[in-house]
N, C-alpha and C. Protein backbone atom coordinates (compact mmCIF):
# COMPACT_ATOMS: atom_id res chain seq x y z
N MET A 1 0.44 -0.95 0.09
CA MET A 1 0.27 0.07 0.12
C MET A 1 0.73 1.07 -0.07
N GLY A 2 0.52 2.04 -1.00
CA GLY A 2 1.04 3.47 -0.83
C GLY A 2 1.02 4.79 0.24
N THR A 3 1.66 5.58 0.28
CA THR A 3 1.56 6.25 1.31
C THR A 3 1.42 8.05 0.68
N TYR A 4 0.90 8.72 1.28
CA TYR A 4 0.23 9.80 0.86
C TYR A 4 0.62 11.19 2.24
N ARG A 5 1.05 11.75 1.76
CA ARG A 5 1.91 13.04 2.44
C ARG A 5 0.68 14.28 2.63
N GLN A 6 0.23 14.23 3.57
CA GLN A 6 -0.91 15.43 3.49
C GLN A 6 -0.19 16.90 3.06
N TYR A 7 -1.23 17.35 2.70
CA TYR A 7 -1.08 19.05 2.14
C TYR A 7 -0.79 19.74 3.30
N GLU A 8 0.77 20.31 3.43
CA GLU A 8 0.82 21.29 4.34
C GLU A 8 0.60 22.79 4.52
N GLY A 9 0.11 23.22 3.37
CA GLY A 9 -0.02 24.39 3.10
C GLY A 9 -1.82 24.82 3.63
N ALA A 10 -2.21 25.66 4.32
CA ALA A 10 -3.68 26.02 5.18
C ALA A 10 -4.64 25.51 3.89
N LEU A 11 -5.32 24.83 4.18
CA LEU A 11 -6.92 24.41 3.74
C LEU A 11 -7.84 25.74 3.57
N ASP A 12 -7.47 26.64 3.23
CA ASP A 12 -8.74 27.55 3.41
C ASP A 12 -9.13 28.53 2.21
N ALA A 13 -10.81 27.89 2.57
CA ALA A 13 -11.76 27.75 1.77
C ALA A 13 -12.53 29.27 1.18
N THR A 14 -11.99 30.25 1.79
CA THR A 14 -12.51 31.57 1.32
C THR A 14 -12.78 31.78 0.13
N GLY A 15 -14.22 32.15 -0.22
CA GLY A 15 -14.44 32.48 -1.77
C GLY A 15 -14.64 31.25 -2.53
N MET A 16 -14.42 30.15 -2.05
CA MET A 16 -14.35 29.06 -3.01
C MET A 16 -16.14 28.74 -3.00
N ARG A 17 -16.25 27.58 -4.30
CA ARG A 17 -17.74 27.20 -4.18
C ARG A 17 -17.35 25.95 -4.67
N ILE A 18 -17.98 25.04 -3.66
CA ILE A 18 -17.53 23.19 -3.65
C ILE A 18 -19.22 22.72 -3.69
N ALA A 19 -19.18 21.86 -4.63
CA ALA A 19 -20.45 21.05 -4.40
C ALA A 19 -20.14 19.23 -4.05
N ILE A 20 -21.19 19.09 -3.71
CA ILE A 20 -20.71 17.31 -3.38
C ILE A 20 -22.28 16.88 -4.02
N VAL A 21 -22.17 15.72 -5.08
CA VAL A 21 -22.98 14.76 -5.54
C VAL A 21 -22.61 13.33 -4.83
N ALA A 22 -23.66 12.72 -4.41
CA ALA A 22 -23.76 11.51 -3.38
C ALA A 22 -24.68 10.49 -3.81
N GLY A 23 -24.10 9.32 -3.92
CA GLY A 23 -24.89 8.19 -4.56
C GLY A 23 -25.79 7.91 -3.05
N ARG A 24 -27.09 7.50 -3.56
CA ARG A 24 -28.12 7.05 -2.44
C ARG A 24 -27.98 5.42 -2.03
N PHE A 25 -27.38 4.71 -3.34
CA PHE A 25 -27.44 3.64 -3.03
C PHE A 25 -26.34 3.41 -2.21
N ASN A 26 -26.44 2.52 -1.05
CA ASN A 26 -25.47 2.29 -0.28
C ASN A 26 -25.33 3.43 0.74
N ASP A 27 -26.52 4.21 0.93
CA ASP A 27 -26.52 5.29 1.80
C ASP A 27 -25.97 4.84 3.42
N HIS A 28 -25.77 3.63 3.58
CA HIS A 28 -25.41 3.84 5.20
C HIS A 28 -23.99 4.02 5.09
N ILE A 29 -23.37 3.73 3.93
CA ILE A 29 -22.17 3.82 3.51
C ILE A 29 -21.80 5.65 2.91
N THR A 30 -22.76 6.18 1.96
CA THR A 30 -22.32 7.32 1.82
C THR A 30 -22.34 8.77 2.30
N THR A 31 -23.34 8.18 3.37
CA THR A 31 -23.70 9.39 4.79
C THR A 31 -22.93 9.79 5.45
N PRO A 32 -22.30 8.96 5.63
CA PRO A 32 -20.89 8.42 6.90
C PRO A 32 -19.32 9.87 6.07
N LEU A 33 -19.45 9.38 4.37
CA LEU A 33 -18.63 10.02 4.05
C LEU A 33 -18.96 11.09 3.99
N LEU A 34 -20.45 11.45 3.54
CA LEU A 34 -20.59 13.03 3.49
C LEU A 34 -20.73 14.17 4.64
N ASP A 35 -20.84 13.10 5.75
CA ASP A 35 -20.71 13.70 6.99
C ASP A 35 -19.04 14.25 7.08
N GLY A 36 -18.24 13.44 6.83
CA GLY A 36 -16.87 13.78 6.65
C GLY A 36 -16.34 14.68 6.14
N ALA A 37 -16.85 14.84 4.59
CA ALA A 37 -16.76 15.88 3.72
C ALA A 37 -17.39 17.53 4.31
N ARG A 38 -18.31 17.17 4.70
CA ARG A 38 -18.82 18.10 5.25
C ARG A 38 -17.86 18.99 6.51
N ALA A 39 -17.35 17.83 7.36
CA ALA A 39 -16.99 18.57 8.21
C ALA A 39 -15.81 19.55 7.87
N THR A 40 -14.78 18.42 6.97
CA THR A 40 -13.34 19.12 6.49
C THR A 40 -13.65 19.88 5.97
N LEU A 41 -14.35 20.60 5.20
CA LEU A 41 -15.18 21.69 4.60
C LEU A 41 -15.67 23.13 5.50
N SER A 42 -16.29 22.52 6.32
CA SER A 42 -16.54 24.06 7.64
C SER A 42 -15.50 23.96 8.26
N LYS A 43 -14.72 23.50 8.79
CA LYS A 43 -13.62 23.53 9.37
C LYS A 43 -12.83 24.13 8.58
N ALA A 44 -12.96 24.66 7.04
CA ALA A 44 -11.77 25.11 6.17
C ALA A 44 -12.34 26.19 6.02
N GLY A 45 -13.74 26.46 6.87
CA GLY A 45 -14.38 27.85 6.55
C GLY A 45 -15.74 27.80 5.67
N LEU A 46 -16.14 26.60 5.18
CA LEU A 46 -16.86 26.42 4.10
C LEU A 46 -18.20 25.52 4.86
N ASP A 47 -19.33 26.95 4.85
CA ASP A 47 -20.06 25.54 5.16
C ASP A 47 -21.57 25.48 4.62
N ASP A 48 -21.83 26.21 3.35
CA ASP A 48 -22.83 26.52 2.47
C ASP A 48 -22.74 25.30 1.59
N VAL A 49 -22.20 24.31 1.53
CA VAL A 49 -21.68 23.09 0.62
C VAL A 49 -23.79 22.33 0.19
N PRO A 50 -24.00 22.60 -1.51
CA PRO A 50 -24.97 22.10 -1.64
C PRO A 50 -24.77 20.72 -1.87
N VAL A 51 -25.37 19.72 -1.72
CA VAL A 51 -25.71 18.43 -2.01
C VAL A 51 -26.51 17.93 -2.97
N HIS A 52 -26.19 17.49 -3.37
CA HIS A 52 -27.08 16.81 -4.87
C HIS A 52 -27.15 15.18 -4.42
N TRP A 53 -28.03 14.95 -4.40
CA TRP A 53 -27.92 12.86 -4.30
C TRP A 53 -28.82 12.69 -5.75
N VAL A 54 -28.25 11.55 -5.32
CA VAL A 54 -28.60 10.24 -7.22
C VAL A 54 -28.62 9.45 -7.08
N PRO A 55 -29.23 8.53 -7.84
CA PRO A 55 -29.65 7.02 -7.57
C PRO A 55 -28.63 5.99 -7.06
N GLY A 56 -27.30 6.16 -7.49
CA GLY A 56 -26.21 5.67 -7.62
C GLY A 56 -24.88 5.78 -8.27
N ALA A 57 -24.27 4.92 -8.00
CA ALA A 57 -22.57 5.69 -8.54
C ALA A 57 -23.05 6.41 -9.78
N PHE A 58 -23.10 4.88 -10.95
CA PHE A 58 -23.25 5.30 -12.35
C PHE A 58 -23.95 6.38 -12.66
N GLU A 59 -24.72 7.07 -11.69
CA GLU A 59 -25.02 8.77 -12.06
C GLU A 59 -24.46 10.03 -11.68
N ILE A 60 -23.91 9.73 -11.00
CA ILE A 60 -22.83 10.56 -10.24
C ILE A 60 -22.32 11.86 -11.58
N PRO A 61 -21.63 11.17 -12.46
CA PRO A 61 -21.17 11.90 -13.38
C PRO A 61 -21.76 12.93 -14.51
N LEU A 62 -22.57 12.28 -13.96
CA LEU A 62 -23.66 13.51 -14.76
C LEU A 62 -24.00 14.09 -14.41
N ILE A 63 -24.16 14.24 -13.36
CA ILE A 63 -24.91 15.02 -12.47
C ILE A 63 -22.87 16.58 -12.19
N ALA A 64 -22.19 15.56 -11.86
CA ALA A 64 -21.08 16.14 -11.55
C ALA A 64 -20.93 17.45 -13.08
N GLN A 65 -20.79 16.71 -14.04
CA GLN A 65 -21.00 17.28 -15.17
C GLN A 65 -21.55 18.41 -15.53
N ARG A 66 -22.92 18.75 -14.88
CA ARG A 66 -23.76 19.24 -15.22
C ARG A 66 -23.13 20.81 -14.02
N LEU A 67 -22.95 20.18 -12.98
CA LEU A 67 -22.34 21.33 -12.14
C LEU A 67 -21.03 21.90 -12.19
N ALA A 68 -20.16 21.02 -13.28
CA ALA A 68 -18.93 21.99 -13.12
C ALA A 68 -19.00 22.58 -14.26
N THR A 69 -20.04 22.48 -15.63
CA THR A 69 -20.37 23.41 -16.20
C THR A 69 -20.90 24.65 -16.13
N THR A 70 -22.38 24.28 -15.36
CA THR A 70 -23.28 25.54 -15.48
C THR A 70 -23.09 26.22 -14.08
N GLY A 71 -22.58 25.83 -13.10
CA GLY A 71 -22.53 25.75 -11.54
C GLY A 71 -22.08 26.67 -11.08
N GLY A 72 -20.53 27.25 -11.64
CA GLY A 72 -19.74 27.73 -10.93
C GLY A 72 -18.86 27.59 -10.71
N TYR A 73 -18.42 26.42 -9.87
CA TYR A 73 -17.91 25.70 -8.96
C TYR A 73 -16.42 25.82 -9.21
N ASP A 74 -15.59 25.81 -7.97
CA ASP A 74 -14.20 25.33 -7.51
C ASP A 74 -13.87 23.70 -8.18
N ALA A 75 -14.88 23.15 -7.80
CA ALA A 75 -14.89 21.55 -7.32
C ALA A 75 -15.76 20.76 -6.97
N VAL A 76 -15.99 19.85 -7.49
CA VAL A 76 -17.37 18.86 -7.16
C VAL A 76 -16.56 17.69 -6.52
N ILE A 77 -17.37 17.22 -5.60
CA ILE A 77 -16.76 16.15 -4.81
C ILE A 77 -17.51 15.60 -5.03
N CYS A 78 -17.42 14.03 -5.65
CA CYS A 78 -18.06 12.72 -5.73
C CYS A 78 -18.17 11.82 -4.84
N LEU A 79 -19.06 11.35 -4.36
CA LEU A 79 -19.58 10.04 -3.58
C LEU A 79 -20.20 9.31 -3.01
N GLY A 80 -19.75 7.80 -3.28
CA GLY A 80 -20.17 6.64 -3.71
C GLY A 80 -20.02 5.22 -3.24
N ALA A 81 -20.53 4.52 -3.26
CA ALA A 81 -19.97 3.13 -2.57
C ALA A 81 -20.79 2.00 -3.32
N VAL A 82 -19.76 1.15 -3.96
CA VAL A 82 -20.54 0.38 -4.74
C VAL A 82 -19.40 -1.40 -3.53
N ILE A 83 -20.65 -1.96 -3.65
CA ILE A 83 -19.72 -3.49 -3.02
C ILE A 83 -20.19 -4.82 -3.93
N ARG A 84 -18.98 -5.40 -3.82
CA ARG A 84 -18.92 -6.69 -4.52
C ARG A 84 -20.15 -7.44 -4.53
N GLY A 85 -20.96 -7.60 -5.25
CA GLY A 85 -21.57 -9.02 -5.18
C GLY A 85 -21.56 -10.23 -5.84
N GLU A 86 -22.76 -11.06 -6.23
CA GLU A 86 -22.32 -12.27 -6.66
C GLU A 86 -22.03 -11.85 -8.23
N THR A 87 -22.57 -10.78 -8.71
CA THR A 87 -22.34 -10.98 -10.26
C THR A 87 -21.40 -9.30 -10.89
N SER A 88 -20.92 -9.52 -11.91
CA SER A 88 -20.04 -8.63 -12.33
C SER A 88 -20.07 -7.01 -12.28
N HIS A 89 -21.60 -6.68 -12.02
CA HIS A 89 -22.60 -5.43 -12.70
C HIS A 89 -21.26 -4.90 -11.17
N PHE A 90 -20.85 -5.14 -10.21
CA PHE A 90 -19.87 -4.26 -9.47
C PHE A 90 -18.45 -4.05 -10.28
N ASP A 91 -18.46 -4.48 -11.01
CA ASP A 91 -17.11 -4.07 -11.98
C ASP A 91 -17.72 -2.93 -12.88
N LEU A 92 -18.65 -2.73 -13.76
CA LEU A 92 -19.37 -2.21 -14.77
C LEU A 92 -19.56 -0.88 -14.19
N ILE A 93 -20.50 -1.07 -12.51
CA ILE A 93 -20.51 0.44 -12.03
C ILE A 93 -19.48 1.04 -11.96
N ALA A 94 -18.06 0.42 -10.72
CA ALA A 94 -17.42 1.07 -10.37
C ALA A 94 -16.37 1.49 -11.52
N ALA A 95 -16.07 0.38 -12.25
CA ALA A 95 -15.47 1.25 -13.53
C ALA A 95 -15.44 2.41 -14.20
N GLU A 96 -17.32 2.65 -14.78
CA GLU A 96 -17.83 3.91 -15.68
C GLU A 96 -18.39 4.78 -14.34
N ALA A 97 -18.21 4.41 -12.94
CA ALA A 97 -18.29 5.62 -12.65
C ALA A 97 -16.72 6.59 -12.21
N ALA A 98 -15.95 5.95 -12.07
CA ALA A 98 -14.26 6.18 -12.25
C ALA A 98 -13.59 6.83 -13.59
N ARG A 99 -14.70 6.02 -14.87
CA ARG A 99 -14.13 7.02 -15.80
C ARG A 99 -14.91 8.37 -15.80
N GLY A 100 -16.06 8.06 -15.70
CA GLY A 100 -16.80 9.17 -15.98
C GLY A 100 -16.60 10.36 -15.20
N ILE A 101 -16.26 9.96 -13.87
CA ILE A 101 -15.66 11.16 -12.72
C ILE A 101 -15.01 11.86 -13.49
N SER A 102 -13.73 11.00 -13.88
CA SER A 102 -12.35 11.46 -14.40
C SER A 102 -12.73 12.26 -15.52
N GLU A 103 -13.38 11.93 -16.83
CA GLU A 103 -13.95 12.43 -17.71
C GLU A 103 -14.03 13.93 -17.33
N VAL A 104 -14.97 14.02 -16.68
CA VAL A 104 -15.52 15.31 -16.36
C VAL A 104 -14.95 16.29 -16.07
N GLY A 105 -13.71 16.14 -14.91
CA GLY A 105 -12.90 16.90 -14.14
C GLY A 105 -11.76 17.24 -15.20
N ARG A 106 -11.46 16.16 -16.48
CA ARG A 106 -10.23 16.49 -17.67
C ARG A 106 -11.12 17.50 -19.02
N THR A 107 -12.41 17.17 -19.06
CA THR A 107 -13.17 17.66 -20.32
C THR A 107 -13.48 19.08 -19.83
N THR A 108 -13.67 19.98 -18.29
CA THR A 108 -14.26 21.16 -17.87
C THR A 108 -12.80 21.65 -17.02
N GLY A 109 -12.02 21.43 -16.91
CA GLY A 109 -11.03 22.12 -15.99
C GLY A 109 -11.15 22.45 -14.54
N VAL A 110 -12.98 21.46 -13.92
CA VAL A 110 -13.42 22.03 -13.12
C VAL A 110 -12.61 20.33 -11.88
N PRO A 111 -12.06 20.32 -11.26
CA PRO A 111 -11.63 19.37 -10.39
C PRO A 111 -12.72 18.49 -9.79
N CYS A 112 -12.63 17.15 -10.43
CA CYS A 112 -13.83 16.38 -9.62
C CYS A 112 -13.28 15.04 -8.97
N ILE A 113 -13.60 15.71 -7.56
CA ILE A 113 -12.90 14.52 -6.44
C ILE A 113 -13.86 13.09 -6.80
N PHE A 114 -12.75 12.21 -7.20
CA PHE A 114 -13.38 10.71 -7.29
C PHE A 114 -13.37 10.13 -5.67
N GLU A 115 -14.51 9.73 -5.02
CA GLU A 115 -15.06 9.18 -3.69
C GLU A 115 -15.78 8.30 -3.94
N VAL A 116 -15.77 7.55 -4.64
CA VAL A 116 -16.66 6.41 -5.02
C VAL A 116 -15.69 4.81 -4.54
N LEU A 117 -16.39 4.33 -2.87
CA LEU A 117 -15.56 3.47 -2.70
C LEU A 117 -15.87 2.25 -3.21
N ALA A 118 -15.11 1.05 -3.83
CA ALA A 118 -15.14 0.11 -4.70
C ALA A 118 -14.41 -0.99 -3.47
N THR A 119 -15.17 -1.89 -3.12
CA THR A 119 -15.06 -2.60 -1.40
C THR A 119 -15.59 -4.06 -2.20
N ASP A 120 -14.87 -4.84 -1.58
CA ASP A 120 -14.97 -6.39 -1.75
C ASP A 120 -16.14 -7.05 -0.99
N ASP A 121 -16.39 -6.16 -0.01
CA ASP A 121 -17.57 -6.30 1.04
C ASP A 121 -18.13 -5.06 2.09
N LEU A 122 -18.69 -5.33 2.91
CA LEU A 122 -19.65 -4.59 3.59
C LEU A 122 -18.47 -3.54 4.60
N ALA A 123 -17.62 -4.61 5.48
CA ALA A 123 -16.62 -4.43 6.50
C ALA A 123 -15.51 -3.55 5.79
N GLN A 124 -15.15 -3.62 4.70
CA GLN A 124 -14.28 -2.99 3.89
C GLN A 124 -14.98 -1.24 3.86
N ALA A 125 -15.98 -1.57 3.49
CA ALA A 125 -16.58 -0.09 3.27
C ALA A 125 -16.81 0.31 4.42
N LEU A 126 -17.50 0.23 5.29
CA LEU A 126 -17.47 0.60 6.84
C LEU A 126 -15.98 1.19 7.21
N ALA A 127 -14.95 0.30 7.20
CA ALA A 127 -13.58 1.12 7.64
C ALA A 127 -13.13 2.10 6.66
N ARG A 128 -13.72 2.40 5.62
CA ARG A 128 -13.41 3.23 5.21
C ARG A 128 -14.12 4.60 5.26
N ALA A 129 -15.86 4.69 6.18
CA ALA A 129 -16.68 5.56 6.11
C ALA A 129 -16.51 5.83 7.84
N GLY A 130 -15.18 6.31 8.27
CA GLY A 130 -15.20 6.34 10.08
C GLY A 130 -14.87 5.09 10.23
N GLY A 131 -14.55 4.04 9.97
CA GLY A 131 -14.00 3.17 10.82
C GLY A 131 -12.79 3.23 10.96
N GLU A 132 -11.58 1.67 11.01
CA GLU A 132 -10.37 1.78 11.36
C GLU A 132 -9.65 2.60 10.33
N HIS A 133 -10.16 2.36 9.37
CA HIS A 133 -9.38 3.44 7.82
C HIS A 133 -9.73 4.85 8.02
N GLY A 134 -10.14 5.29 9.02
CA GLY A 134 -10.58 6.60 8.97
C GLY A 134 -12.00 6.92 7.74
N ASN A 135 -12.04 8.30 7.69
CA ASN A 135 -12.99 8.79 6.67
C ASN A 135 -12.95 9.40 5.49
N LYS A 136 -12.85 8.47 4.41
CA LYS A 136 -12.69 8.89 2.69
C LYS A 136 -13.15 10.14 2.82
N GLY A 137 -14.24 10.85 3.46
CA GLY A 137 -15.06 11.67 3.02
C GLY A 137 -14.04 12.87 3.30
N TRP A 138 -13.35 12.50 4.50
CA TRP A 138 -12.65 14.25 5.08
C TRP A 138 -11.29 14.07 3.84
N GLU A 139 -10.84 13.08 3.18
CA GLU A 139 -9.80 12.79 2.57
C GLU A 139 -10.16 13.38 1.06
N ALA A 140 -11.86 13.19 0.86
CA ALA A 140 -12.10 13.89 -0.52
C ALA A 140 -12.22 15.23 -0.39
N ALA A 141 -12.51 15.89 0.66
CA ALA A 141 -13.01 17.27 1.06
C ALA A 141 -11.61 18.06 1.07
N GLY A 142 -10.77 17.24 1.62
CA GLY A 142 -8.91 17.90 1.37
C GLY A 142 -8.66 18.09 0.26
N SER A 143 -9.22 16.82 -0.44
CA SER A 143 -8.39 16.86 -1.89
C SER A 143 -9.14 18.06 -2.69
N ALA A 144 -10.33 18.12 -2.87
CA ALA A 144 -10.92 19.57 -3.32
C ALA A 144 -10.43 20.46 -3.00
N LEU A 145 -10.17 21.16 -1.80
CA LEU A 145 -9.55 22.24 -1.65
C LEU A 145 -8.67 22.72 -1.91
N GLU A 146 -7.94 21.45 -1.47
CA GLU A 146 -6.21 21.65 -2.28
C GLU A 146 -6.37 22.04 -3.69
N MET A 147 -6.88 20.80 -4.91
CA MET A 147 -7.15 21.14 -6.05
C MET A 147 -7.91 22.68 -6.39
N ALA A 148 -8.72 23.00 -5.71
CA ALA A 148 -8.85 24.20 -5.91
C ALA A 148 -8.41 25.29 -6.33
N SER A 149 -7.74 25.60 -5.19
CA SER A 149 -6.15 26.57 -4.59
C SER A 149 -5.34 26.21 -5.43
N LEU A 150 -5.12 24.74 -5.78
CA LEU A 150 -3.87 25.11 -7.07
C LEU A 150 -4.32 25.32 -8.41
N MET A 151 -5.64 24.87 -8.96
CA MET A 151 -6.21 25.46 -10.07
C MET A 151 -6.38 26.92 -10.02
N ARG A 152 -6.64 27.87 -8.85
CA ARG A 152 -6.89 28.99 -8.79
C ARG A 152 -5.07 29.78 -8.95
N SER A 153 -4.06 29.08 -8.19
CA SER A 153 -2.61 29.72 -8.52
C SER A 153 -2.29 29.43 -9.90
N LEU A 154 -2.98 28.51 -10.99
CA LEU A 154 -2.28 28.51 -12.16
C LEU A 154 -2.88 29.58 -12.80
N PRO A 155 -1.93 29.61 -14.41
CA PRO A 155 -2.15 30.41 -15.03
C PRO A 155 -3.53 29.89 -16.00
N ALA A 156 -4.89 30.19 -16.44
CA ALA A 156 -6.27 29.77 -17.23
C ALA A 156 -4.98 29.10 -18.36
N GLY A 157 -6.35 27.96 -19.05
CA GLY A 157 -5.49 27.65 -20.08
C GLY A 157 -6.18 28.31 -21.20
N LYS A 158 -5.52 28.02 -22.53
CA LYS A 158 -6.37 28.63 -23.55
C LYS A 158 -7.10 27.95 -24.70
N ALA A 159 -8.16 28.49 -25.15
CA ALA A 159 -8.93 27.61 -25.77
C ALA A 159 -8.46 27.29 -26.91
N ALA A 160 -9.16 26.11 -26.98
CA ALA A 160 -8.87 25.25 -28.90
C ALA A 160 -9.63 26.37 -29.67
N GLY A 161 -8.37 25.85 -30.83
CA GLY A 161 -8.85 26.32 -32.02
C GLY A 161 -8.28 27.63 -32.25
């Protein structure tokens, strides 16, 4: 397992607009992730964060795209949980959610933070939603703040054509 060094700059949300998209499927996992993300954003000074609930992880990219293109947001946090079952449905949903969220960030230039847990079982998901492995919602919010800050510090890209 790799290591991740915490961002050492000030995570300051002053003037930022961040939205959250959360999947209702497995909401016993996504709700604690959401609570963790909101706590981190609040600690950074951002309390007015809209949450957009969608049926499940597969639907997250569509709403993330709408928010990134029309919402004026500095970042979009995408939260979901896909738990392996007896069929290949898990692989399809997890892969498409990851691909879609990644594509939204690349095509819009708005950081779209991927925190769709893809676990083998419920215990692994619970461990990452406030259990022994922490709360990945905290990490997602921290990544959103860091990326939004970094994007603000870089020169704007040039339009194609």
